Amino acid sequence: MKILIVLVLLVIVGSLGSALYFLFKDRERSPRTVHALTVRIGLSIGLFVLLLIAFGTGLIKPHGIRPGFDGNPQVTPTPAQNPR
């Protein structure tokens, strides 16, 4: 699954690069830039849907970021309550 995600990301970046190339090299008004950007948007939406499906079916699992260097979460003390 990770390989598929990386491949789709690379294709998205490639499509963005080709849109940039067509933007600078096409002097006449050709639709190649718009087409490349449309492909990039479609691939991005497809990747997002793929990630949602993979998460929903359990193929990928989220993991939290641990704030401590030793792997243990750090507990912040709560401020003392002032009696009124």
PDB file of N, CA and C in Angstrom:
ATOM      1  N   MET A   1       0.822  -1.186   0.000  1.00  0.00           N
ATOM      2  CA  MET A   1       0.000   0.000   0.000  1.00  0.00           C
ATOM      3  C   MET A   1       0.875   1.263   0.000  1.00  0.00           C
ATOM      4  N   LYS A   2       1.989   1.225   0.751  1.00  0.00           N
ATOM      5  CA  LYS A   2       2.867   2.392   0.799  1.00  0.00           C
ATOM      6  C   LYS A   2       3.479   2.681  -0.565  1.00  0.00           C
ATOM      7  N   ILE A   3       3.809   1.634  -1.296  1.00  0.00           N
ATOM      8  CA  ILE A   3       4.404   1.813  -2.626  1.00  0.00           C
ATOM      9  C   ILE A   3       3.396   2.469  -3.564  1.00  0.00           C
ATOM     10  N   LEU A   4       2.137   2.045  -3.479  1.00  0.00           N
ATOM     11  CA  LEU A   4       1.096   2.632  -4.330  1.00  0.00           C
ATOM     12  C   LEU A   4       0.907   4.119  -4.015  1.00  0.00           C
ATOM     13  N   ILE A   5       0.917   4.457  -2.737  1.00  0.00           N
ATOM     14  CA  ILE A   5       0.749   5.857  -2.342  1.00  0.00           C
ATOM     15  C   ILE A   5       1.914   6.696  -2.858  1.00  0.00           C
ATOM     16  N   VAL A   6       3.125   6.188  -2.710  1.00  0.00           N
ATOM     17  CA  VAL A   6       4.307   6.924  -3.187  1.00  0.00           C
ATOM     18  C   VAL A   6       4.273   7.078  -4.699  1.00  0.00           C
ATOM     19  N   LEU A   7       3.873   6.028  -5.405  1.00  0.00           N
ATOM     20  CA  LEU A   7       3.793   6.109  -6.873  1.00  0.00           C
ATOM     21  C   LEU A   7       2.769   7.156  -7.318  1.00  0.00           C
ATOM     22  N   VAL A   8       1.611   7.180  -6.667  1.00  0.00           N
ATOM     23  CA  VAL A   8       0.590   8.165  -7.030  1.00  0.00           C
ATOM     24  C   VAL A   8       1.093   9.576  -6.732  1.00  0.00           C
ATOM     25  N   LEU A   9       1.784   9.755  -5.605  1.00  0.00           N
ATOM     26  CA  LEU A   9       2.352  11.071  -5.299  1.00  0.00           C
ATOM     27  C   LEU A   9       3.375  11.494  -6.352  1.00  0.00           C
ATOM     28  N   LEU A  10       4.193  10.556  -6.813  1.00  0.00           N
ATOM     29  CA  LEU A  10       5.167  10.883  -7.855  1.00  0.00           C
ATOM     30  C   LEU A  10       4.490  11.264  -9.169  1.00  0.00           C
ATOM     31  N   VAL A  11       3.405  10.567  -9.508  1.00  0.00           N
ATOM     32  CA  VAL A  11       2.671  10.911 -10.731  1.00  0.00           C
ATOM     33  C   VAL A  11       2.030  12.291 -10.585  1.00  0.00           C
ATOM     34  N   ILE A  12       1.539  12.622  -9.388  1.00  0.00           N
ATOM     35  CA  ILE A  12       0.957  13.946  -9.152  1.00  0.00           C
ATOM     36  C   ILE A  12       2.013  15.034  -9.339  1.00  0.00           C
ATOM     37  N   VAL A  13       3.195  14.813  -8.776  1.00  0.00           N
ATOM     38  CA  VAL A  13       4.278  15.795  -8.930  1.00  0.00           C
ATOM     39  C   VAL A  13       4.704  15.886 -10.397  1.00  0.00           C
ATOM     40  N   GLY A  14       4.738  14.752 -11.094  1.00  0.00           N
ATOM     41  CA  GLY A  14       5.073  14.767 -12.519  1.00  0.00           C
ATOM     42  C   GLY A  14       4.057  15.541 -13.342  1.00  0.00           C
ATOM     43  N   SER A  15       2.800  15.373 -13.020  1.00  0.00           N
ATOM     44  CA  SER A  15       1.760  16.122 -13.722  1.00  0.00           C
ATOM     45  C   SER A  15       1.878  17.615 -13.450  1.00  0.00           C
ATOM     46  N   LEU A  16       2.214  17.966 -12.224  1.00  0.00           N
ATOM     47  CA  LEU A  16       2.414  19.371 -11.900  1.00  0.00           C
ATOM     48  C   LEU A  16       3.620  19.938 -12.649  1.00  0.00           C
ATOM     49  N   GLY A  17       4.681  19.148 -12.759  1.00  0.00           N
ATOM     50  CA  GLY A  17       5.857  19.574 -13.516  1.00  0.00           C
ATOM     51  C   GLY A  17       5.566  19.740 -14.991  1.00  0.00           C
ATOM     52  N   SER A  18       4.776  18.829 -15.546  1.00  0.00           N
ATOM     53  CA  SER A  18       4.441  18.961 -16.968  1.00  0.00           C
ATOM     54  C   SER A  18       3.557  20.176 -17.213  1.00  0.00           C
ATOM     55  N   ALA A  19       2.685  20.495 -16.256  1.00  0.00           N
ATOM     56  CA  ALA A  19       1.871  21.709 -16.398  1.00  0.00           C
ATOM     57  C   ALA A  19       2.752  22.950 -16.385  1.00  0.00           C
ATOM     58  N   LEU A  20       3.754  22.953 -15.518  1.00  0.00           N
ATOM     59  CA  LEU A  20       4.680  24.086 -15.479  1.00  0.00           C
ATOM     60  C   LEU A  20       5.465  24.194 -16.782  1.00  0.00           C
ATOM     61  N   TYR A  21       5.897  23.064 -17.306  1.00  0.00           N
ATOM     62  CA  TYR A  21       6.632  23.052 -18.580  1.00  0.00           C
ATOM     63  C   TYR A  21       5.759  23.602 -19.708  1.00  0.00           C
ATOM     64  N   PHE A  22       4.511  23.111 -19.791  1.00  0.00           N
ATOM     65  CA  PHE A  22       3.619  23.580 -20.853  1.00  0.00           C
ATOM     66  C   PHE A  22       3.282  25.052 -20.680  1.00  0.00           C
ATOM     67  N   LEU A  23       3.223  25.534 -19.443  1.00  0.00           N
ATOM     68  CA  LEU A  23       2.916  26.932 -19.196  1.00  0.00           C
ATOM     69  C   LEU A  23       4.003  27.837 -19.767  1.00  0.00           C
ATOM     70  N   PHE A  24       5.262  27.419 -19.635  1.00  0.00           N
ATOM     71  CA  PHE A  24       6.360  28.256 -20.120  1.00  0.00           C
ATOM     72  C   PHE A  24       6.670  28.033 -21.596  1.00  0.00           C
ATOM     73  N   LYS A  25       6.481  26.844 -22.113  1.00  0.00           N
ATOM     74  CA  LYS A  25       6.904  26.536 -23.479  1.00  0.00           C
ATOM     75  C   LYS A  25       5.833  26.775 -24.531  1.00  0.00           C
ATOM     76  N   ASP A  26       4.566  26.673 -24.176  1.00  0.00           N
ATOM     77  CA  ASP A  26       3.498  26.881 -25.155  1.00  0.00           C
ATOM     78  C   ASP A  26       3.220  28.368 -25.299  1.00  0.00           C
ATOM     79  N   ARG A  27       3.566  28.918 -26.435  1.00  0.00           N
ATOM     80  CA  ARG A  27       3.304  30.340 -26.668  1.00  0.00           C
ATOM     81  C   ARG A  27       1.877  30.572 -27.160  1.00  0.00           C
ATOM     82  N   GLU A  28       1.337  29.625 -27.882  1.00  0.00           N
ATOM     83  CA  GLU A  28      -0.054  29.760 -28.315  1.00  0.00           C
ATOM     84  C   GLU A  28      -0.952  29.235 -27.197  1.00  0.00           C
ATOM     85  N   ARG A  29      -2.201  29.503 -27.311  1.00  0.00           N
ATOM     86  CA  ARG A  29      -3.138  29.096 -26.268  1.00  0.00           C
ATOM     87  C   ARG A  29      -3.555  27.644 -26.480  1.00  0.00           C
ATOM     88  N   SER A  30      -2.743  26.728 -25.970  1.00  0.00           N
ATOM     89  CA  SER A  30      -3.109  25.319 -26.067  1.00  0.00           C
ATOM     90  C   SER A  30      -3.647  24.844 -24.714  1.00  0.00           C
ATOM     91  N   PRO A  31      -4.517  23.870 -24.735  1.00  0.00           N
ATOM     92  CA  PRO A  31      -5.137  23.410 -23.475  1.00  0.00           C
ATOM     93  C   PRO A  31      -4.279  22.406 -22.699  1.00  0.00           C
ATOM     94  N   ARG A  32      -3.019  22.259 -23.069  1.00  0.00           N
ATOM     95  CA  ARG A  32      -2.202  21.232 -22.416  1.00  0.00           C
ATOM     96  C   ARG A  32      -1.937  21.552 -20.951  1.00  0.00           C
ATOM     97  N   THR A  33      -1.756  22.810 -20.606  1.00  0.00           N
ATOM     98  CA  THR A  33      -1.537  23.179 -19.210  1.00  0.00           C
ATOM     99  C   THR A  33      -2.772  22.880 -18.375  1.00  0.00           C
ATOM    100  N   VAL A  34      -3.930  23.253 -18.882  1.00  0.00           N
ATOM    101  CA  VAL A  34      -5.180  23.013 -18.164  1.00  0.00           C
ATOM    102  C   VAL A  34      -5.425  21.517 -18.022  1.00  0.00           C
ATOM    103  N   HIS A  35      -5.110  20.763 -19.070  1.00  0.00           N
ATOM    104  CA  HIS A  35      -5.302  19.313 -19.019  1.00  0.00           C
ATOM    105  C   HIS A  35      -4.381  18.676 -17.969  1.00  0.00           C
ATOM    106  N   ALA A  36      -3.133  19.105 -17.914  1.00  0.00           N
ATOM    107  CA  ALA A  36      -2.196  18.558 -16.931  1.00  0.00           C
ATOM    108  C   ALA A  36      -2.637  18.896 -15.506  1.00  0.00           C
ATOM    109  N   LEU A  37      -3.134  20.107 -15.294  1.00  0.00           N
ATOM    110  CA  LEU A  37      -3.615  20.476 -13.965  1.00  0.00           C
ATOM    111  C   LEU A  37      -4.892  19.725 -13.599  1.00  0.00           C
ATOM    112  N   THR A  38      -5.747  19.463 -14.582  1.00  0.00           N
ATOM    113  CA  THR A  38      -6.949  18.676 -14.340  1.00  0.00           C
ATOM    114  C   THR A  38      -6.595  17.252 -13.944  1.00  0.00           C
ATOM    115  N   VAL A  39      -5.608  16.684 -14.610  1.00  0.00           N
ATOM    116  CA  VAL A  39      -5.145  15.338 -14.258  1.00  0.00           C
ATOM    117  C   VAL A  39      -4.597  15.343 -12.834  1.00  0.00           C
ATOM    118  N   ARG A  40      -3.851  16.375 -12.470  1.00  0.00           N
ATOM    119  CA  ARG A  40      -3.293  16.450 -11.121  1.00  0.00           C
ATOM    120  C   ARG A  40      -4.384  16.532 -10.069  1.00  0.00           C
ATOM    121  N   ILE A  41      -5.406  17.316 -10.313  1.00  0.00           N
ATOM    122  CA  ILE A  41      -6.509  17.434  -9.360  1.00  0.00           C
ATOM    123  C   ILE A  41      -7.255  16.110  -9.242  1.00  0.00           C
ATOM    124  N   GLY A  42      -7.484  15.457 -10.365  1.00  0.00           N
ATOM    125  CA  GLY A  42      -8.159  14.158 -10.329  1.00  0.00           C
ATOM    126  C   GLY A  42      -7.359  13.113  -9.565  1.00  0.00           C
ATOM    127  N   LEU A  43      -6.057  13.101  -9.783  1.00  0.00           N
ATOM    128  CA  LEU A  43      -5.212  12.153  -9.055  1.00  0.00           C
ATOM    129  C   LEU A  43      -5.174  12.468  -7.565  1.00  0.00           C
ATOM    130  N   SER A  44      -5.162  13.733  -7.215  1.00  0.00           N
ATOM    131  CA  SER A  44      -5.146  14.120  -5.803  1.00  0.00           C
ATOM    132  C   SER A  44      -6.442  13.700  -5.109  1.00  0.00           C
ATOM    133  N   ILE A  45      -7.563  13.920  -5.752  1.00  0.00           N
ATOM    134  CA  ILE A  45      -8.846  13.499  -5.187  1.00  0.00           C
ATOM    135  C   ILE A  45      -8.910  11.979  -5.098  1.00  0.00           C
ATOM    136  N   GLY A  46      -8.417  11.301  -6.126  1.00  0.00           N
ATOM    137  CA  GLY A  46      -8.391   9.836  -6.105  1.00  0.00           C
ATOM    138  C   GLY A  46      -7.516   9.295  -4.979  1.00  0.00           C
ATOM    139  N   LEU A  47      -6.376   9.918  -4.754  1.00  0.00           N
ATOM    140  CA  LEU A  47      -5.497   9.488  -3.661  1.00  0.00           C
ATOM    141  C   LEU A  47      -6.174   9.714  -2.314  1.00  0.00           C
ATOM    142  N   PHE A  48      -6.849  10.829  -2.153  1.00  0.00           N
ATOM    143  CA  PHE A  48      -7.549  11.110  -0.903  1.00  0.00           C
ATOM    144  C   PHE A  48      -8.632  10.064  -0.645  1.00  0.00           C
ATOM    145  N   VAL A  49      -9.399   9.726  -1.668  1.00  0.00           N
ATOM    146  CA  VAL A  49     -10.445   8.709  -1.531  1.00  0.00           C
ATOM    147  C   VAL A  49      -9.817   7.348  -1.232  1.00  0.00           C
ATOM    148  N   LEU A  50      -8.705   7.028  -1.898  1.00  0.00           N
ATOM    149  CA  LEU A  50      -8.006   5.769  -1.639  1.00  0.00           C
ATOM    150  C   LEU A  50      -7.534   5.690  -0.193  1.00  0.00           C
ATOM    151  N   LEU A  51      -6.998   6.785   0.334  1.00  0.00           N
ATOM    152  CA  LEU A  51      -6.561   6.805   1.726  1.00  0.00           C
ATOM    153  C   LEU A  51      -7.733   6.642   2.688  1.00  0.00           C
ATOM    154  N   LEU A  52      -8.861   7.266   2.393  1.00  0.00           N
ATOM    155  CA  LEU A  52     -10.046   7.106   3.235  1.00  0.00           C
ATOM    156  C   LEU A  52     -10.544   5.666   3.227  1.00  0.00           C
ATOM    157  N   ILE A  53     -10.564   5.045   2.063  1.00  0.00           N
ATOM    158  CA  ILE A  53     -11.008   3.646   1.958  1.00  0.00           C
ATOM    159  C   ILE A  53     -10.031   2.728   2.680  1.00  0.00           C
ATOM    160  N   ALA A  54      -8.736   2.958   2.490  1.00  0.00           N
ATOM    161  CA  ALA A  54      -7.733   2.123   3.152  1.00  0.00           C
ATOM    162  C   ALA A  54      -7.813   2.268   4.666  1.00  0.00           C
ATOM    163  N   PHE A  55      -8.063   3.462   5.162  1.00  0.00           N
ATOM    164  CA  PHE A  55      -8.219   3.664   6.595  1.00  0.00           C
ATOM    165  C   PHE A  55      -9.494   2.992   7.087  1.00  0.00           C
ATOM    166  N   GLY A  56     -10.561   3.106   6.336  1.00  0.00           N
ATOM    167  CA  GLY A  56     -11.840   2.515   6.738  1.00  0.00           C
ATOM    168  C   GLY A  56     -11.817   1.000   6.768  1.00  0.00           C
ATOM    169  N   THR A  57     -11.069   0.394   5.853  1.00  0.00           N
ATOM    170  CA  THR A  57     -10.992  -1.063   5.809  1.00  0.00           C
ATOM    171  C   THR A  57      -9.886  -1.621   6.696  1.00  0.00           C
ATOM    172  N   GLY A  58      -9.056  -0.758   7.266  1.00  0.00           N
ATOM    173  CA  GLY A  58      -8.006  -1.225   8.155  1.00  0.00           C
ATOM    174  C   GLY A  58      -6.696  -1.561   7.470  1.00  0.00           C
ATOM    175  N   LEU A  59      -6.555  -1.226   6.192  1.00  0.00           N
ATOM    176  CA  LEU A  59      -5.298  -1.495   5.495  1.00  0.00           C
ATOM    177  C   LEU A  59      -4.173  -0.611   5.990  1.00  0.00           C
ATOM    178  N   ILE A  60      -4.514   0.603   6.401  1.00  0.00           N
ATOM    179  CA  ILE A  60      -3.518   1.492   7.000  1.00  0.00           C
ATOM    180  C   ILE A  60      -4.051   1.923   8.355  1.00  0.00           C
ATOM    181  N   LYS A  61      -3.141   2.145   9.272  1.00  0.00           N
ATOM    182  CA  LYS A  61      -3.519   2.569  10.611  1.00  0.00           C
ATOM    183  C   LYS A  61      -2.772   3.849  10.955  1.00  0.00           C
ATOM    184  N   PRO A  62      -3.483   4.821  11.515  1.00  0.00           N
ATOM    185  CA  PRO A  62      -2.797   6.050  11.905  1.00  0.00           C
ATOM    186  C   PRO A  62      -1.941   5.801  13.138  1.00  0.00           C
ATOM    187  N   HIS A  63      -0.911   6.581  13.279  1.00  0.00           N
ATOM    188  CA  HIS A  63      -0.085   6.506  14.474  1.00  0.00           C
ATOM    189  C   HIS A  63       0.150   7.919  14.981  1.00  0.00           C
ATOM    190  N   GLY A  64       0.230   8.034  16.274  1.00  0.00           N
ATOM    191  CA  GLY A  64       0.396   9.341  16.880  1.00  0.00           C
ATOM    192  C   GLY A  64       1.853   9.747  16.925  1.00  0.00           C
ATOM    193  N   ILE A  65       2.068  11.011  17.059  1.00  0.00           N
ATOM    194  CA  ILE A  65       3.417  11.538  17.194  1.00  0.00           C
ATOM    195  C   ILE A  65       3.709  11.642  18.683  1.00  0.00           C
ATOM    196  N   ARG A  66       4.771  11.037  19.100  1.00  0.00           N
ATOM    197  CA  ARG A  66       5.129  11.052  20.512  1.00  0.00           C
ATOM    198  C   ARG A  66       5.979  12.292  20.797  1.00  0.00           C
ATOM    199  N   PRO A  67       5.569  13.106  21.760  1.00  0.00           N
ATOM    200  CA  PRO A  67       6.310  14.337  22.016  1.00  0.00           C
ATOM    201  C   PRO A  67       7.641  14.124  22.726  1.00  0.00           C
ATOM    202  N   GLY A  68       7.792  13.058  23.498  1.00  0.00           N
ATOM    203  CA  GLY A  68       9.023  12.847  24.253  1.00  0.00           C
ATOM    204  C   GLY A  68      10.080  12.148  23.423  1.00  0.00           C
ATOM    205  N   PHE A  69      11.356  12.369  23.743  1.00  0.00           N
ATOM    206  CA  PHE A  69      12.430  11.720  23.011  1.00  0.00           C
ATOM    207  C   PHE A  69      12.535  10.233  23.367  1.00  0.00           C
ATOM    208  N   ASP A  70      12.087   9.877  24.564  1.00  0.00           N
ATOM    209  CA  ASP A  70      12.198   8.488  24.993  1.00  0.00           C
ATOM    210  C   ASP A  70      10.986   7.650  24.589  1.00  0.00           C
ATOM    211  N   GLY A  71      10.038   8.237  23.913  1.00  0.00           N
ATOM    212  CA  GLY A  71       8.869   7.504  23.451  1.00  0.00           C
ATOM    213  C   GLY A  71       7.700   7.591  24.415  1.00  0.00           C
ATOM    214  N   ASN A  72       7.902   8.145  25.609  1.00  0.00           N
ATOM    215  CA  ASN A  72       6.817   8.294  26.568  1.00  0.00           C
ATOM    216  C   ASN A  72       6.194   9.669  26.429  1.00  0.00           C
ATOM    217  N   PRO A  73       4.873   9.721  26.417  1.00  0.00           N
ATOM    218  CA  PRO A  73       4.245  11.042  26.309  1.00  0.00           C
ATOM    219  C   PRO A  73       4.524  11.862  27.560  1.00  0.00           C
ATOM    220  N   GLN A  74       4.744  13.118  27.356  1.00  0.00           N
ATOM    221  CA  GLN A  74       5.011  14.003  28.472  1.00  0.00           C
ATOM    222  C   GLN A  74       3.693  14.531  29.022  1.00  0.00           C
ATOM    223  N   VAL A  75       3.587  14.542  30.323  1.00  0.00           N
ATOM    224  CA  VAL A  75       2.375  15.023  30.969  1.00  0.00           C
ATOM    225  C   VAL A  75       2.646  16.429  31.475  1.00  0.00           C
ATOM    226  N   THR A  76       1.796  17.357  31.069  1.00  0.00           N
ATOM    227  CA  THR A  76       1.952  18.726  31.541  1.00  0.00           C
ATOM    228  C   THR A  76       1.110  18.911  32.792  1.00  0.00           C
ATOM    229  N   PRO A  77       1.662  19.503  33.835  1.00  0.00           N
ATOM    230  CA  PRO A  77       0.872  19.694  35.061  1.00  0.00           C
ATOM    231  C   PRO A  77      -0.227  20.719  34.846  1.00  0.00           C
ATOM    232  N   THR A  78      -1.327  20.490  35.512  1.00  0.00           N
ATOM    233  CA  THR A  78      -2.436  21.432  35.419  1.00  0.00           C
ATOM    234  C   THR A  78      -2.177  22.577  36.382  1.00  0.00           C
ATOM    235  N   PRO A  79      -2.598  23.777  36.056  1.00  0.00           N
ATOM    236  CA  PRO A  79      -2.389  24.903  36.969  1.00  0.00           C
ATOM    237  C   PRO A  79      -3.207  24.714  38.245  1.00  0.00           C
ATOM    238  N   ALA A  80      -2.671  25.193  39.345  1.00  0.00           N
ATOM    239  CA  ALA A  80      -3.373  25.075  40.630  1.00  0.00           C
ATOM    240  C   ALA A  80      -4.642  25.902  40.597  1.00  0.00           C
ATOM    241  N   GLN A  81      -5.658  25.353  41.195  1.00  0.00           N
ATOM    242  CA  GLN A  81      -6.932  26.066  41.218  1.00  0.00           C
ATOM    243  C   GLN A  81      -6.930  27.051  42.370  1.00  0.00           C
ATOM    244  N   ASN A  82      -7.393  28.243  42.121  1.00  0.00           N
ATOM    245  CA  ASN A  82      -7.470  29.272  43.134  1.00  0.00           C
ATOM    246  C   ASN A  82      -8.820  29.161  43.847  1.00  0.00           C
ATOM    247  N   PRO A  83      -8.796  28.987  45.162  1.00  0.00           N
ATOM    248  CA  PRO A  83     -10.088  28.946  45.880  1.00  0.00           C
ATOM    249  C   PRO A  83     -10.712  30.334  45.932  1.00  0.00           C
ATOM    250  N   ARG A  84     -12.009  30.401  45.783  1.00  0.00           N
ATOM    251  CA  ARG A  84     -12.706  31.698  45.792  1.00  0.00           C
ATOM    252  C   ARG A  84     -13.590  31.812  46.963  1.00  0.00           C
TER     253      ARG A  84
END
